């Protein structure tokens, strides 16, 4: 039987197997708030920062410029806000 063709990626998208494997420890026995100072939090923070560095390297960016969001809506708002702030001088009539 042929593999189905999934056309609703706006609702959900399959997770790449490498991503799933990297995430599995944090979806079970290892979990912690990466903003916490306890051991589990520090481990989570380390994993987030390693992921941030890997993504940055893949696209030739600085790690500090990589922002992870919880979903599409948050990412859209962040992008729109950033674009608006970048053009703030134009809106106020200032010239560069």
Protein backbone atom coordinates (compact mmCIF):
# COMPACT_ATOMS: atom_id res chain seq x y z
CA UNK A 1 0.00 0.00 0.00
CA UNK A 2 1.30 3.45 -0.91
CA UNK A 3 2.25 5.93 1.80
CA UNK A 4 -0.50 8.53 2.27
CA UNK A 5 0.10 12.09 1.11
CA UNK A 6 -0.52 14.45 4.01
CA UNK A 7 -1.67 17.95 3.00
CA UNK A 8 -2.56 19.57 6.34
CA UNK A 9 0.85 20.74 7.53
CA UNK A 10 -0.72 23.96 8.83
CA UNK A 11 -2.31 21.86 11.59
CA UNK A 12 0.59 19.55 12.37
CA UNK A 13 3.77 18.30 10.78
CA UNK A 14 5.58 15.01 11.29
CA UNK A 15 8.72 15.24 13.38
CA UNK A 16 11.98 14.36 11.70
CA UNK A 17 13.33 11.11 13.23
CA UNK A 18 16.61 12.81 14.25
CA UNK A 19 14.66 15.54 16.07
CA UNK A 20 12.44 12.96 17.74
CA UNK A 21 15.46 11.00 18.94
CA UNK A 22 17.09 14.16 20.32
CA UNK A 23 13.87 15.12 22.14
CA UNK A 24 12.91 11.72 23.59
CA UNK A 25 14.99 12.00 26.79
CA UNK A 26 13.24 15.31 27.58
CA UNK A 27 9.77 13.86 27.03
CA UNK A 28 10.24 11.19 29.67
CA UNK A 29 12.69 10.67 32.48
CA UNK A 30 14.66 13.90 31.99
CA UNK A 31 12.61 17.05 32.29
CA UNK A 32 13.07 20.44 33.82
CA UNK A 33 12.39 24.09 33.30
CA UNK A 34 15.44 25.47 31.45
CA UNK A 35 15.07 28.72 33.41
CA UNK A 36 15.48 26.90 36.74
CA UNK A 37 18.76 26.50 38.59
CA UNK A 38 18.20 22.92 39.78
CA UNK A 39 20.04 20.07 38.05
CA UNK A 40 17.16 19.12 35.74
CA UNK A 41 16.76 22.76 34.71
CA UNK A 42 20.46 23.15 33.99
CA UNK A 43 20.39 19.99 31.86
CA UNK A 44 17.40 21.31 29.92
CA UNK A 45 19.11 24.70 29.48
CA UNK A 46 22.23 22.99 28.13
CA UNK A 47 20.12 21.05 25.61
CA UNK A 48 18.31 24.22 24.48
CA UNK A 49 21.57 26.11 24.05
CA UNK A 50 23.13 23.23 22.11
CA UNK A 51 20.08 23.16 19.82
CA UNK A 52 20.29 26.94 19.40
CA UNK A 53 23.96 26.67 18.41
CA UNK A 54 23.24 23.88 15.92
CA UNK A 55 20.41 25.80 14.26
CA UNK A 56 22.55 28.94 14.10
CA UNK A 57 25.39 27.03 12.49
CA UNK A 58 23.04 25.51 9.91
CA UNK A 59 21.84 28.92 8.71
CA UNK A 60 25.00 30.94 9.33
CA UNK A 61 23.60 33.01 12.18
CA UNK A 62 24.71 33.95 15.65
CA UNK A 63 23.19 31.70 18.33
CA UNK A 64 21.82 34.74 20.19
CA UNK A 65 19.66 35.56 17.16
CA UNK A 66 17.86 32.20 17.28
CA UNK A 67 14.54 32.37 19.13
CA UNK A 68 12.51 29.26 19.77
CA UNK A 69 8.74 29.72 20.02
CA UNK A 70 5.99 27.44 21.26
CA UNK A 71 4.10 27.47 17.99
CA UNK A 72 3.09 29.21 14.79
CA UNK A 73 1.04 32.02 16.30
CA UNK A 74 3.82 33.07 18.65
CA UNK A 75 6.32 32.92 15.78
CA UNK A 76 4.04 35.03 13.55
CA UNK A 77 3.61 37.69 16.25
CA UNK A 78 7.36 37.79 16.84
CA UNK A 79 8.05 38.19 13.10
CA UNK A 80 5.44 40.94 12.67
CA UNK A 81 6.64 42.78 15.77
CA UNK A 82 10.24 42.58 14.59
CA UNK A 83 9.34 43.89 11.14
CA UNK A 84 7.35 46.74 12.66
CA UNK A 85 10.17 47.69 15.03
CA UNK A 86 12.66 47.59 12.16
CA UNK A 87 10.55 50.18 10.31
CA UNK A 88 9.70 52.27 13.37
CA UNK A 89 11.74 55.26 12.13
CA UNK A 90 9.83 55.30 8.83
CA UNK A 91 6.50 55.41 10.65
CA UNK A 92 7.59 58.35 12.78
CA UNK A 93 8.78 60.28 9.73
CA UNK A 94 12.46 60.14 10.70
CA UNK A 95 15.09 59.89 7.99
CA UNK A 96 18.29 57.94 8.10
